[in-house]
Protein backbone atom coordinates (compact mmCIF):
# COMPACT_ATOMS: atom_id res chain seq x y z
CA MET A 1 28.42 -33.61 6.62
CA GLU A 2 28.94 -29.97 5.65
CA ILE A 3 25.74 -29.97 3.58
CA LYS A 4 23.76 -31.42 6.49
CA GLN A 5 25.23 -28.84 8.88
CA ALA A 6 24.32 -25.99 6.55
CA THR A 7 20.80 -27.38 6.24
CA ASN A 8 20.43 -27.64 10.02
CA MET A 9 21.69 -24.08 10.44
CA GLU A 10 19.18 -22.85 7.89
CA VAL A 11 16.33 -24.66 9.63
CA LYS A 12 17.36 -23.11 12.95
CA LYS A 13 17.44 -19.68 11.33
CA GLN A 14 14.01 -20.17 9.77
CA ASN A 15 12.54 -21.30 13.08
CA ARG A 16 14.15 -18.39 14.91
CA ASN A 17 12.72 -16.01 12.33
CA ARG A 18 9.25 -17.55 12.58
CA VAL A 19 9.28 -17.39 16.38
CA PHE A 20 10.34 -13.75 16.36
CA ARG A 21 7.58 -12.85 13.91
CA TYR A 22 5.07 -14.76 16.06
CA ILE A 23 6.08 -12.76 19.15
CA CYS A 24 5.89 -9.47 17.23
CA LYS A 25 2.42 -10.34 15.99
CA HIS A 26 0.94 -11.54 19.27
CA GLY A 27 2.44 -8.99 21.65
CA THR A 28 2.92 -10.82 24.96
CA VAL A 29 3.27 -14.61 24.86
CA SER A 30 4.94 -17.51 26.65
CA ASN A 31 7.17 -20.33 25.48
CA PRO A 32 4.31 -22.84 25.88
CA ASP A 33 2.06 -20.58 23.73
CA ILE A 34 4.66 -20.51 20.98
CA SER A 35 5.31 -24.24 21.23
CA TYR A 36 1.62 -25.12 20.96
CA ASP A 37 0.68 -22.71 18.17
CA MET A 38 3.76 -23.28 16.03
CA LYS A 39 3.99 -27.03 16.69
CA LEU A 40 7.60 -26.82 17.82
CA SER A 41 8.94 -28.69 20.83
CA LEU A 42 9.13 -26.69 24.05
CA PRO A 43 12.92 -27.21 24.42
CA THR A 44 13.39 -25.90 20.84
CA VAL A 45 11.26 -22.83 21.53
CA THR A 46 12.99 -22.18 24.85
CA GLN A 47 16.39 -22.27 23.17
CA ILE A 48 15.22 -19.94 20.40
CA THR A 49 13.73 -17.34 22.76
CA LYS A 50 16.89 -17.50 24.88
CA GLU A 51 18.96 -16.68 21.78
CA LEU A 52 16.60 -13.84 20.87
CA MET A 53 16.84 -12.40 24.38
CA GLU A 54 20.63 -12.60 24.30
CA ARG A 55 20.59 -10.65 21.03
CA GLY A 56 18.26 -8.03 22.49
CA PHE A 57 15.25 -8.75 20.26
CA VAL A 58 13.01 -10.31 22.94
CA GLU A 59 12.62 -9.44 26.61
CA GLU A 60 10.89 -10.89 29.66
CA THR A 61 8.04 -8.64 30.76
CA GLY A 62 6.78 -10.44 33.88
CA GLU A 63 4.62 -13.52 34.25
CA LEU A 64 1.37 -14.58 32.63
CA GLN A 65 -1.72 -15.45 34.62
CA SER A 66 -1.67 -19.02 35.94
CA THR A 67 -3.94 -21.61 34.32
CA GLY A 68 -3.49 -24.06 37.17
CA GLY A 69 0.22 -24.69 37.21
CA ARG A 70 3.38 -22.71 37.43
CA ARG A 71 3.05 -19.25 35.89
CA ALA A 72 4.84 -18.92 32.55
CA LYS A 73 7.29 -16.13 31.84
CA ALA A 74 5.80 -13.38 29.69
CA LEU A 75 7.82 -12.61 26.57
CA SER A 76 7.55 -9.57 24.29
CA ALA A 77 9.47 -8.37 21.26
CA ALA A 78 11.76 -5.39 21.82
CA VAL A 79 10.02 -3.72 18.91
CA ASN A 80 11.87 -0.41 19.09
CA VAL A 81 15.35 -1.91 19.28
CA LYS A 82 15.62 -1.24 15.54
CA LEU A 83 13.87 1.45 13.47
CA ALA A 84 13.60 2.46 9.84
CA ALA A 85 12.68 5.68 8.08
CA GLY A 86 10.59 5.86 4.93
CA LEU A 87 10.75 8.66 2.38
CA ASP A 88 8.19 9.15 -0.40
CA ILE A 89 9.27 11.62 -3.08
CA THR A 90 6.60 13.18 -5.29
CA LYS A 91 6.54 16.12 -7.68
CA ASN A 92 5.61 18.66 -5.00
CA HIS A 93 5.97 16.97 -1.62
CA ILE A 94 7.95 14.54 0.46
CA SER A 95 6.43 12.27 3.10
CA LEU A 96 8.45 10.88 5.99
CA VAL A 97 7.59 7.93 8.20
CA LEU A 98 9.35 6.32 11.16
CA THR A 99 8.51 2.71 11.93
CA ASN A 100 9.71 -0.12 14.17
CA LEU A 101 10.09 -3.88 13.83
CA THR A 102 6.31 -4.41 13.90
CA GLY A 103 5.61 -1.84 11.16
CA GLU A 104 3.91 0.58 13.56
CA ILE A 105 3.86 4.18 12.34
CA LEU A 106 5.65 6.06 15.12
CA LYS A 107 5.68 9.43 13.34
CA HIS A 108 4.57 10.81 9.99
CA VAL A 109 4.87 14.18 8.28
CA ARG A 110 4.19 15.53 4.79
CA ILE A 111 6.20 18.52 3.64
CA PHE A 112 5.78 20.79 0.62
CA LEU A 113 9.03 20.53 -1.33
CA PRO A 114 8.94 20.71 -5.16
CA TYR A 115 11.23 18.18 -6.78
CA ALA A 116 14.42 19.25 -8.54
CA HIS A 117 17.09 16.86 -9.74
CA GLU A 118 19.99 18.68 -8.18
CA ALA A 119 22.23 18.35 -5.16
CA ALA A 120 20.55 21.23 -3.30
CA TYR A 121 17.23 19.39 -3.35
CA TYR A 122 18.66 16.18 -1.91
CA HIS A 123 20.60 18.11 0.74
CA LYS A 124 17.32 19.74 1.75
CA VAL A 125 15.57 16.36 1.89
CA ASN A 126 18.37 15.03 4.11
CA ASP A 127 18.02 18.06 6.39
CA GLU A 128 14.27 17.44 6.67
CA LEU A 129 14.94 13.77 7.45
CA GLU A 130 17.41 14.61 10.20
CA SER A 131 15.00 17.17 11.71
CA PHE A 132 12.23 14.58 11.54
CA LEU A 133 14.36 11.98 13.36
CA GLU A 134 15.44 14.56 15.93
CA GLU A 135 11.84 15.53 16.66
CA SER A 136 10.87 11.88 17.00
CA GLY A 137 13.59 11.28 19.59
CA ALA A 138 14.94 8.35 17.58
CA ASP A 139 18.32 6.95 18.58
CA ARG A 140 20.35 7.22 15.37
CA LYS A 141 22.24 4.03 16.24
CA ARG A 142 18.96 2.12 15.96
CA ILE A 143 18.17 3.36 12.45
CA LEU A 144 18.60 0.46 10.03
CA GLY A 145 18.25 2.59 6.94
CA VAL A 146 15.95 4.66 4.77
CA GLY A 147 13.47 3.26 2.28
CA ILE A 148 12.87 5.68 -0.60
CA SER A 149 9.90 5.54 -2.97
CA PHE A 150 9.83 7.29 -6.34
CA PRO A 151 7.03 7.64 -8.93
CA GLY A 152 8.65 5.83 -11.83
CA ILE A 153 10.34 2.66 -13.04
CA ILE A 154 12.73 1.35 -10.41
CA ASP A 155 15.19 -1.08 -11.99
CA LEU A 156 16.42 -3.23 -9.11
CA ASP A 157 18.81 -5.23 -11.30
CA ARG A 158 20.71 -2.22 -12.60
CA ARG A 159 20.12 -0.21 -9.41
CA LEU A 160 18.58 2.69 -11.29
CA ILE A 161 15.60 4.99 -11.24
CA ALA A 162 15.25 4.08 -14.89
CA TYR A 163 12.46 6.48 -15.82
CA SER A 164 10.10 8.94 -14.17
CA HIS A 165 8.18 11.12 -16.59
CA ILE A 166 6.49 13.09 -13.81
CA LEU A 167 9.86 14.00 -12.24
CA GLY A 168 11.75 14.28 -15.52
CA LEU A 169 14.26 11.56 -14.59
CA LYS A 170 16.12 9.01 -16.65
CA MET A 171 18.79 6.53 -15.59
CA VAL A 172 19.58 7.97 -12.15
CA SER A 173 21.65 5.58 -10.07
CA PHE A 174 20.66 4.51 -6.57
CA ASP A 175 24.21 5.36 -5.49
CA PHE A 176 23.78 8.98 -6.55
CA VAL A 177 20.67 9.42 -4.40
CA SER A 178 22.10 7.37 -1.51
CA SER A 179 25.18 9.56 -1.35
CA PHE A 180 23.18 12.39 0.24
CA PHE A 181 22.08 10.30 3.24
CA ASP A 182 23.97 8.92 6.23
CA TYR A 183 22.01 5.65 6.24
CA PRO A 184 21.78 2.64 3.90
CA CYS A 185 19.03 3.22 1.32
CA ARG A 186 16.60 0.88 -0.40
CA PHE A 187 14.39 1.91 -3.33
CA LEU A 188 10.83 1.11 -4.42
CA ASN A 189 8.31 2.40 -6.93
CA ASP A 190 5.62 4.40 -5.08
CA ALA A 191 2.70 2.12 -5.97
CA ASN A 192 4.79 -0.95 -5.14
CA ALA A 193 5.61 0.63 -1.78
CA GLY A 194 1.92 1.24 -1.05
CA ALA A 195 1.09 -2.35 -1.96
CA TYR A 196 3.95 -3.62 0.19
CA ALA A 197 2.61 -1.69 3.20
CA GLU A 198 -0.84 -3.19 2.68
CA GLY A 199 0.31 -6.76 2.17
CA ILE A 200 3.54 -7.65 3.90
CA ARG A 201 2.10 -7.94 7.43
CA SER A 202 -1.44 -8.96 6.46
CA ASP A 203 -2.96 -12.36 7.26
CA GLU A 204 -6.04 -11.60 5.17
CA ARG A 205 -4.68 -10.96 1.69
CA GLU A 206 -2.35 -13.33 -0.08
CA ARG A 207 -2.84 -11.78 -3.50
CA PHE A 208 -4.29 -8.44 -4.59
CA PHE A 209 -3.90 -5.53 -6.98
CA TYR A 210 -3.14 -2.15 -5.42
CA LEU A 211 -4.47 0.81 -7.41
CA SER A 212 -2.77 4.03 -6.33
CA LEU A 213 -4.99 7.02 -7.07
CA SER A 214 -2.77 9.99 -6.31
CA ASN A 215 -1.77 12.91 -8.50
CA THR A 216 -0.44 10.20 -10.76
CA VAL A 217 -2.11 6.81 -11.12
CA GLY A 218 -0.09 3.66 -10.53
CA GLY A 219 -0.57 0.06 -9.60
CA ALA A 220 1.13 -3.00 -8.19
CA ILE A 221 0.51 -6.72 -7.77
CA PHE A 222 1.20 -8.23 -4.36
CA ASP A 223 1.38 -12.02 -4.38
CA HIS A 224 2.18 -14.25 -1.38
CA ASN A 225 4.50 -12.01 0.65
CA GLY A 226 6.11 -10.27 -2.29
CA LEU A 227 5.73 -7.90 -5.21
CA VAL A 228 5.39 -9.03 -8.82
CA GLN A 229 7.89 -6.86 -10.67
CA GLY A 230 7.62 -7.92 -14.32
CA ASN A 231 10.41 -8.42 -16.85
CA HIS A 232 11.28 -4.72 -16.93
CA PHE A 233 9.95 -3.68 -13.50
CA ARG A 234 6.82 -2.18 -15.10
CA CYS A 235 4.26 -4.63 -13.77
CA GLY A 236 1.05 -2.91 -12.66
CA GLU A 237 1.58 0.39 -14.51
CA VAL A 238 -2.13 0.76 -15.22
CA GLY A 239 -1.95 4.55 -15.13
CA HIS A 240 -0.84 4.33 -18.74
CA MET A 241 -3.32 1.68 -19.77
CA THR A 242 -5.55 3.08 -22.55
CA VAL A 243 -9.17 3.29 -21.39
CA VAL A 244 -10.46 5.73 -24.03
CA PRO A 245 -8.88 5.49 -27.51
CA ASN A 246 -7.88 8.99 -28.65
CA GLY A 247 -9.23 10.36 -25.39
CA LYS A 248 -7.88 13.02 -23.04
CA MET A 249 -4.21 13.92 -23.20
CA CYS A 250 -2.11 12.32 -20.46
CA TYR A 251 0.98 13.97 -19.00
CA CYS A 252 3.02 11.20 -20.65
CA GLY A 253 2.11 12.62 -24.07
CA LYS A 254 -0.30 9.84 -25.08
CA LYS A 255 -4.08 10.04 -25.32
CA GLY A 256 -6.67 8.12 -23.34
CA CYS A 257 -4.52 6.88 -20.45
CA LEU A 258 -6.25 5.98 -17.18
CA ASP A 259 -4.17 8.66 -15.45
CA ALA A 260 -5.97 11.35 -17.49
CA TYR A 261 -9.31 10.16 -16.07
CA CYS A 262 -8.60 8.95 -12.53
CA SER A 263 -5.81 11.15 -11.20
CA ALA A 264 -6.58 12.73 -7.83
CA ALA A 265 -5.83 16.08 -9.49
CA ILE A 266 -9.11 15.82 -11.40
CA LEU A 267 -10.96 16.03 -8.09
CA SER A 268 -8.71 18.46 -6.24
CA GLY A 269 -8.61 20.71 -9.31
CA ALA A 270 -12.33 21.30 -8.84
CA ALA A 271 -11.85 22.34 -5.21
CA ASP A 272 -9.09 24.96 -5.05
CA GLY A 273 -6.41 22.30 -5.45
CA LYS A 274 -7.25 20.50 -2.21
CA LEU A 275 -8.61 16.96 -2.26
CA GLU A 276 -10.07 17.25 1.24
CA ASN A 277 -12.11 20.24 0.05
CA PHE A 278 -13.58 18.18 -2.78
CA PHE A 279 -14.73 15.43 -0.45
CA GLU A 280 -16.17 18.00 1.95
CA LEU A 281 -18.23 19.36 -0.94
CA LEU A 282 -19.25 15.83 -1.89
CA GLU A 283 -20.34 15.10 1.67
CA LYS A 284 -22.43 18.27 1.61
CA LYS A 285 -24.06 17.00 -1.61
CA ASP A 286 -22.73 19.83 -3.73
CA GLN A 287 -24.21 19.27 -7.20
CA ARG A 288 -21.08 20.09 -9.21
CA ALA A 289 -18.90 17.89 -7.00
CA ALA A 290 -21.43 15.07 -7.30
CA GLU A 291 -21.41 15.33 -11.10
CA ILE A 292 -17.60 15.25 -11.24
CA TRP A 293 -17.53 12.28 -8.86
CA ASP A 294 -20.11 10.41 -10.93
CA VAL A 295 -17.99 10.74 -14.06
CA TYR A 296 -14.81 9.93 -12.14
CA THR A 297 -16.20 6.73 -10.60
CA GLY A 298 -17.67 5.70 -13.93
CA ASP A 299 -14.22 5.84 -15.50
CA LEU A 300 -12.74 4.15 -12.44
CA ALA A 301 -15.26 1.31 -12.74
CA VAL A 302 -14.03 0.60 -16.28
CA ALA A 303 -10.46 0.21 -14.99
CA LEU A 304 -11.50 -1.88 -11.99
CA ASN A 305 -13.50 -4.26 -14.15
CA ASN A 306 -10.62 -4.61 -16.62
CA ILE A 307 -8.15 -5.34 -13.82
CA ARG A 308 -10.52 -7.90 -12.32
CA MET A 309 -11.03 -9.62 -15.66
CA LEU A 310 -7.29 -9.81 -16.23
CA LEU A 311 -6.05 -10.83 -12.77
CA ASP A 312 -9.10 -12.28 -10.95
CA CYS A 313 -8.02 -10.96 -7.56
CA ASP A 314 -9.09 -8.40 -4.97
CA ILE A 315 -8.38 -4.74 -5.70
CA ILE A 316 -7.36 -2.23 -3.04
CA LEU A 317 -7.93 1.46 -3.72
CA GLY A 318 -4.98 3.42 -2.33
CA GLY A 319 -3.22 6.71 -2.82
CA TYR A 320 -4.77 10.08 -1.99
CA VAL A 321 -8.25 9.18 -3.27
CA GLY A 322 -8.13 5.75 -1.64
CA SER A 323 -7.88 7.40 1.76
CA TYR A 324 -11.28 9.08 1.26
CA VAL A 325 -13.15 6.46 -0.70
CA GLU A 326 -14.58 4.16 1.98
CA PRO A 327 -18.02 5.84 2.33
CA TYR A 328 -18.47 5.70 -1.45
CA LEU A 329 -17.54 2.05 -2.03
CA PRO A 330 -21.17 0.89 -2.47
CA ASP A 331 -21.61 3.29 -5.42
CA ILE A 332 -18.28 2.24 -6.97
CA TRP A 333 -19.13 -1.42 -6.44
CA LYS A 334 -22.51 -0.94 -8.14
CA LYS A 335 -20.87 0.58 -11.21
CA VAL A 336 -18.24 -2.17 -11.34
CA SER A 337 -20.92 -4.85 -10.99
CA GLU A 338 -22.86 -3.43 -13.93
CA ARG A 339 -19.80 -3.96 -16.11
CA ASN A 340 -18.79 -7.32 -14.70
CA THR A 341 -19.56 -10.27 -16.97
CA PHE A 342 -19.65 -12.72 -14.06
CA THR A 343 -21.82 -12.87 -10.97
CA GLU A 344 -19.55 -12.13 -8.01
CA ASP A 345 -20.49 -13.62 -4.65
CA ARG A 346 -18.65 -10.90 -2.73
CA GLN A 347 -17.25 -7.43 -3.18
CA PHE A 348 -13.67 -7.51 -4.44
CA VAL A 349 -13.00 -3.75 -4.37
CA MET A 350 -11.96 -2.33 -1.00
CA ASN A 351 -10.33 0.73 0.47
CA CYS A 352 -6.77 0.83 1.76
CA LYS A 353 -5.78 0.23 5.36
CA TYR A 354 -3.10 2.92 5.38
CA LYS A 355 -4.68 6.28 4.61
CA VAL A 356 -1.58 8.42 5.18
CA GLY A 357 2.05 7.79 4.37
CA ALA A 358 1.47 4.42 2.72
CA ALA A 359 4.29 4.68 0.18
CA ALA A 360 6.76 5.98 2.77
CA LEU A 361 5.72 3.21 5.17
CA GLY A 362 6.06 0.53 2.51
CA ALA A 363 9.56 1.76 1.66
CA ALA A 364 10.51 1.70 5.35
CA LEU A 365 9.05 -1.80 5.72
CA GLU A 366 11.30 -2.99 2.90
CA VAL A 367 14.22 -1.99 5.16
CA ILE A 368 12.63 -3.66 8.20
CA GLU A 369 11.82 -6.89 6.36
CA ASN A 370 15.32 -7.14 4.94
CA PHE A 371 16.63 -6.96 8.51
CA VAL A 372 14.08 -9.31 10.09
CA ARG A 373 14.82 -11.99 7.50
CA GLN A 374 18.36 -12.12 8.88
CA ILE A 375 17.34 -12.64 12.52
């Protein structure tokens, strides 16, 4: 009897969760809409939405237009009843994002703040976070927590930032970083966070590889509503995949890594350190910029073809370069196709949906999703 009761309670929780997600996705709906689309009985749906309203997650927002009978009550998710902050830490900047239960970006900022593994740095980050929340008008009582993304190996089992060459970190505990903030913290690798932002609320992509082309190159595999982590949480680290034996020196100390050929710094370094300046030059058909871009995309095509051969899935270009790449996809696709052994019936390389704050958003969404799963 106890086993059956537990099973029934779990089913009720799953249905409640599904109904809440349905309402978040569709905006304004009615109980009959939910019942029909989700193939749940109307009494079951009515009971679920009543519970959600009592808990403050759903609210009545009037009546829907009549289709011939009695007008149905309009229901909407109280999307701002809970919020989460996202923090992306890089070598020279931090990005902050505020999001709600639907994953909407309510506010985003990027701040120049060189990384230093010391208490003063984290106190400064916390001050910036509090100022950010104050400026956004966020009710602190609604903040579920802070998702924090780092460029490096995030060991979720041992709760460690196990290794970050770019930041000079080894074996830093989550608890140490969390101690500087007044909110519960969750941690993600930066590329994983970008992939999570692209995939967790998408109906279009069940499985894809996310290639993060920022000042460091990273990658992540998103597969059916979750991230593939690997045995040692290194899955997707293509930035240190060798593409040219004995090639250019990478910051990791090895030669020929993809990072040495496809880092965003290669492009920004040719335009006074600013990536937007490079793409302005490219748009103006500057010859030197065009030559650099041709070499860059040629190297990128090698990596994209290798990833496709290995994983046979779509590839999303993210990170700093991914936010600019959309107009140049035909050229990249052409170069990839020339290397591809198989005839592809459609383009499998695409640009990212989130062009700013993707890693910070993904980290915040990890906080949101952890909460929503409990509804």
